[in-house]
C-alpha atoms as a PDB file:
ATOM      1  CA  MET A   1      -1.722   6.184   6.298  1.00  0.00           C
ATOM      2  CA  ILE A   2      -2.812   6.297   2.663  1.00  0.00           C
ATOM      3  CA  ASP A   3      -6.256   5.021   1.666  1.00  0.00           C
ATOM      4  CA  TYR A   4      -6.124   3.116  -1.605  1.00  0.00           C
ATOM      5  CA  ASP A   5      -9.840   2.786  -2.374  1.00  0.00           C
ATOM      6  CA  ALA A   6     -10.465   2.835  -6.138  1.00  0.00           C
ATOM      7  CA  VAL A   7      -6.749   3.036  -6.986  1.00  0.00           C
ATOM      8  CA  GLU A   8      -5.202   0.661  -9.490  1.00  0.00           C
ATOM      9  CA  ASP A   9      -2.926  -2.088  -8.172  1.00  0.00           C
ATOM     10  CA  ASP A  10       0.163  -0.869 -10.040  1.00  0.00           C
ATOM     11  CA  PHE A  11      -0.154   2.583  -8.504  1.00  0.00           C
ATOM     12  CA  GLN A  12      -0.828   1.122  -5.073  1.00  0.00           C
ATOM     13  CA  ASN A  13       2.131  -1.245  -5.307  1.00  0.00           C
ATOM     14  CA  GLN A  14       4.473   1.547  -6.372  1.00  0.00           C
ATOM     15  CA  VAL A  15       3.383   3.726  -3.444  1.00  0.00           C
ATOM     16  CA  ASN A  16       3.819   0.746  -1.108  1.00  0.00           C
ATOM     17  CA  ARG A  17       7.376   0.178  -2.441  1.00  0.00           C
ATOM     18  CA  TYR A  18       8.189   3.816  -1.744  1.00  0.00           C
ATOM     19  CA  GLU A  19       6.768   3.463   1.786  1.00  0.00           C
ATOM     20  CA  ASP A  20       8.903   0.365   2.353  1.00  0.00           C
ATOM     21  CA  GLU A  21      12.010   2.161   1.093  1.00  0.00           C
ATOM     22  CA  MET A  22      11.310   5.273   3.147  1.00  0.00           C
ATOM     23  CA  ILE A  23      12.821   3.918   6.358  1.00  0.00           C
ATOM     24  CA  ASN A  24      16.138   3.188   4.621  1.00  0.00           C
ATOM     25  CA  HIS A  25      16.162   6.694   3.161  1.00  0.00           C
ATOM     26  CA  LEU A  26      15.226   8.165   6.570  1.00  0.00           C
ATOM     27  CA  MET A  27      18.036   6.267   8.268  1.00  0.00           C
ATOM     28  CA  GLN A  28      20.466   7.607   5.658  1.00  0.00           C
ATOM     29  CA  ALA A  29      19.140  11.168   6.222  1.00  0.00           C
ATOM     30  CA  MET A  30      19.747  10.731   9.970  1.00  0.00           C
ATOM     31  CA  SER A  31      23.229   9.369   9.306  1.00  0.00           C
ATOM     32  CA  ASP A  32      24.022  12.308   7.002  1.00  0.00           C
ATOM     33  CA  GLY A  33      22.764  14.790   9.604  1.00  0.00           C
ATOM     34  CA  ASP A  34      19.934  16.028   7.365  1.00  0.00           C
ATOM     35  CA  VAL A  35      17.434  15.371  10.180  1.00  0.00           C
ATOM     36  CA  ALA A  36      17.665  14.673  13.909  1.00  0.00           C
ATOM     37  CA  ASN A  37      18.846  11.236  14.898  1.00  0.00           C
ATOM     38  CA  CYS A  38      16.000   9.617  16.825  1.00  0.00           C
ATOM     39  CA  LYS A  39      14.572   6.266  17.806  1.00  0.00           C
ATOM     40  CA  LEU A  40      11.930   4.967  15.390  1.00  0.00           C
ATOM     41  CA  VAL A  41       8.856   3.542  17.135  1.00  0.00           C
ATOM     42  CA  TYR A  42       6.439   1.246  15.323  1.00  0.00           C
ATOM     43  CA  ASP A  43       2.845   0.236  15.916  1.00  0.00           C
ATOM     44  CA  TRP A  44       0.961  -2.653  14.363  1.00  0.00           C
ATOM     45  CA  GLN A  45      -1.836  -1.517  12.058  1.00  0.00           C
ATOM     46  CA  ILE A  46      -4.446  -3.341   9.976  1.00  0.00           C
ATOM     47  CA  CYS A  47      -3.129  -3.758   6.425  1.00  0.00           C
ATOM     48  CA  ASN A  48      -4.685  -1.120   4.185  1.00  0.00           C
ATOM     49  CA  VAL A  49      -4.582  -3.366   1.112  1.00  0.00           C
ATOM     50  CA  CYS A  50      -6.366  -6.494   2.318  1.00  0.00           C
ATOM     51  CA  ARG A  51      -8.074  -4.719   5.226  1.00  0.00           C
ATOM     52  CA  GLY A  52      -6.782  -7.323   7.681  1.00  0.00           C
ATOM     53  CA  ASN A  53      -7.961 -10.385   5.774  1.00  0.00           C
ATOM     54  CA  GLY A  54      -4.496 -11.498   4.668  1.00  0.00           C
ATOM     55  CA  GLY A  55      -5.600 -11.897   1.075  1.00  0.00           C
ATOM     56  CA  HIS A  56      -7.651 -10.285  -1.661  1.00  0.00           C
ATOM     57  CA  SER A  57      -8.780 -10.736  -5.231  1.00  0.00           C
ATOM     58  CA  ARG A  58      -8.014  -7.224  -6.446  1.00  0.00           C
ATOM     59  CA  ARG A  59      -5.864  -8.616  -9.235  1.00  0.00           C
ATOM     60  CA  LEU A  60      -9.038  -9.922 -10.876  1.00  0.00           C
ATOM     61  CA  GLY A  61     -10.316  -6.422 -11.434  1.00  0.00           C
ATOM     62  CA  VAL A  62     -14.017  -5.665 -11.543  1.00  0.00           C
ATOM     63  CA  ILE A  63     -16.346  -8.604 -12.000  1.00  0.00           C
ATOM     64  CA  SER A  64     -19.284  -7.439 -14.094  1.00  0.00           C
ATOM     65  CA  GLN A  65     -22.865  -8.589 -13.652  1.00  0.00           C
ATOM     66  CA  GLU A  66     -22.613 -10.105 -17.126  1.00  0.00           C
ATOM     67  CA  ILE A  67     -19.829 -12.429 -15.918  1.00  0.00           C
ATOM     68  CA  ILE A  68     -21.660 -13.267 -12.707  1.00  0.00           C
ATOM     69  CA  ASP A  69     -24.792 -14.169 -14.729  1.00  0.00           C
ATOM     70  CA  ASP A  70     -22.728 -16.845 -16.548  1.00  0.00           C
ATOM     71  CA  TRP A  71     -21.623 -18.462 -13.285  1.00  0.00           C
ATOM     72  CA  ASP A  72     -23.484 -21.277 -11.620  1.00  0.00           C
ATOM     73  CA  ASP A  73     -24.189 -21.251  -7.883  1.00  0.00           C
ATOM     74  CA  ASP A  74     -20.932 -23.099  -7.065  1.00  0.00           C
ATOM     75  CA  ASP A  75     -18.849 -20.528  -8.976  1.00  0.00           C
ATOM     76  CA  LEU A  76     -20.569 -17.652  -7.221  1.00  0.00           C
ATOM     77  CA  ASP A  77     -20.201 -19.289  -3.799  1.00  0.00           C
ATOM     78  CA  TYR A  78     -16.501 -19.911  -4.500  1.00  0.00           C
ATOM     79  CA  TYR A  79     -15.975 -16.248  -5.436  1.00  0.00           C
ATOM     80  CA  MET A  80     -17.961 -14.886  -2.500  1.00  0.00           C
ATOM     81  CA  SER A  81     -16.149 -17.136  -0.003  1.00  0.00           C
ATOM     82  CA  GLY A  82     -12.749 -15.752  -1.119  1.00  0.00           C
ATOM     83  CA  GLY A  83     -11.813 -18.704  -3.317  1.00  0.00           C
ATOM     84  CA  TYR A  84     -10.021 -16.468  -5.800  1.00  0.00           C
ATOM     85  CA  ASP A  85      -8.177 -14.508  -3.138  1.00  0.00           C
ATOM     86  CA  GLN A  86      -4.400 -14.537  -3.177  1.00  0.00           C
ATOM     87  CA  ILE A  87      -2.022 -13.762  -0.337  1.00  0.00           C
ATOM     88  CA  CYS A  88      -1.674 -10.018   0.150  1.00  0.00           C
ATOM     89  CA  GLU A  89       1.647  -8.764  -1.109  1.00  0.00           C
ATOM     90  CA  ARG A  90       1.730  -5.886   1.397  1.00  0.00           C
ATOM     91  CA  CYS A  91       1.374  -7.847   4.665  1.00  0.00           C
ATOM     92  CA  ASP A  92       2.409 -11.251   3.324  1.00  0.00           C
ATOM     93  CA  GLY A  93      -0.875 -12.716   4.527  1.00  0.00           C
ATOM     94  CA  SER A  94      -0.654 -11.606   8.158  1.00  0.00           C
ATOM     95  CA  GLY A  95      -3.372  -8.908   7.849  1.00  0.00           C
ATOM     96  CA  LYS A  96      -1.215  -6.417   9.723  1.00  0.00           C
ATOM     97  CA  VAL A  97       1.777  -4.185   8.989  1.00  0.00           C
ATOM     98  CA  LYS A  98       4.217  -2.236  11.099  1.00  0.00           C
ATOM     99  CA  GLU A  99       3.625   1.479  10.744  1.00  0.00           C
ATOM    100  CA  LEU A 100       5.933   4.201  11.963  1.00  0.00           C
ATOM    101  CA  ASN A 101       4.490   6.032  14.967  1.00  0.00           C
ATOM    102  CA  LEU A 102       4.591   9.616  13.636  1.00  0.00           C
ATOM    103  CA  LYS A 103       3.613  11.129  16.983  1.00  0.00           C
ATOM    104  CA  ALA A 104       6.894   9.926  18.512  1.00  0.00           C
ATOM    105  CA  LEU A 105       9.079  11.753  15.992  1.00  0.00           C
ATOM    106  CA  PRO A 106      10.770  15.151  16.185  1.00  0.00           C
ATOM    107  CA  GLU A 107       9.218  17.827  13.972  1.00  0.00           C
ATOM    108  CA  ASP A 108      12.059  17.937  11.434  1.00  0.00           C
ATOM    109  CA  VAL A 109      11.833  14.158  10.916  1.00  0.00           C
ATOM    110  CA  LEU A 110       8.064  14.382  10.512  1.00  0.00           C
ATOM    111  CA  LEU A 111       8.436  17.160   7.926  1.00  0.00           C
ATOM    112  CA  TRP A 112      11.034  15.056   6.088  1.00  0.00           C
ATOM    113  CA  ILE A 113       8.583  12.132   5.975  1.00  0.00           C
ATOM    114  CA  ILE A 114       5.748  14.342   4.724  1.00  0.00           C
ATOM    115  CA  LYS A 115       7.938  15.666   1.914  1.00  0.00           C
ATOM    116  CA  TYR A 116       9.191  12.164   1.069  1.00  0.00           C
ATOM    117  CA  ARG A 117       5.632  10.840   0.881  1.00  0.00           C
ATOM    118  CA  ASP A 118       4.467  13.773  -1.231  1.00  0.00           C
ATOM    119  CA  ASP A 119       7.357  13.264  -3.660  1.00  0.00           C
ATOM    120  CA  SER A 120       6.753   9.501  -3.776  1.00  0.00           C
ATOM    121  CA  TYR A 121       3.034   9.892  -4.337  1.00  0.00           C
ATOM    122  CA  ASN A 122       3.627  12.434  -7.116  1.00  0.00           C
ATOM    123  CA  SER A 123       6.173  10.132  -8.774  1.00  0.00           C
ATOM    124  CA  ALA A 124       3.774   7.161  -8.631  1.00  0.00           C
ATOM    125  CA  TYR A 125       0.991   9.367  -9.980  1.00  0.00           C
ATOM    126  CA  MET A 126       3.120  10.535 -12.899  1.00  0.00           C
ATOM    127  CA  THR A 127       4.089   6.926 -13.739  1.00  0.00           C
ATOM    128  CA  ARG A 128       0.401   5.945 -13.603  1.00  0.00           C
ATOM    129  CA  SER A 129      -0.569   8.865 -15.863  1.00  0.00           C
ATOM    130  CA  GLU A 130       2.144   7.937 -18.387  1.00  0.00           C
ATOM    131  CA  ARG A 131       0.947   4.323 -18.433  1.00  0.00           C
ATOM    132  CA  MET A 132      -2.608   5.448 -19.024  1.00  0.00           C
ATOM    133  CA  MET A 133      -1.419   7.449 -22.034  1.00  0.00           C
ATOM    134  CA  GLY A 134       0.375   4.390 -23.417  1.00  0.00           C
ATOM    135  CA  ALA A 135       3.934   5.298 -22.437  1.00  0.00           C
END
């Protein structure tokens, strides 16, 4: 599982999309005979985006002390109680996601997944770098 602490939302969302698409690509690789055909087993895991809360306010970005100083007590209470939170796009508000049980997979399938994830992460990183340079 990938830890997304301190990673921008666009990068995180792109990596999540690749993760979601991975199963379809893996099923195609099994169908094509590129890897062993096996049963995929899933476990429920706490969502790594909202950390099981079902929502978050990450889209707001960082709230500076200067902004907080301008808020009255009601505004601050609203923020601290999760008033600005929106439903998590990763788990759709459930706080949990189905994760592939990697221990139940044959070695060639596991190696395929590792390579797929590395390629996906590198692609998302390149896109993020290009955006940061204004592309």
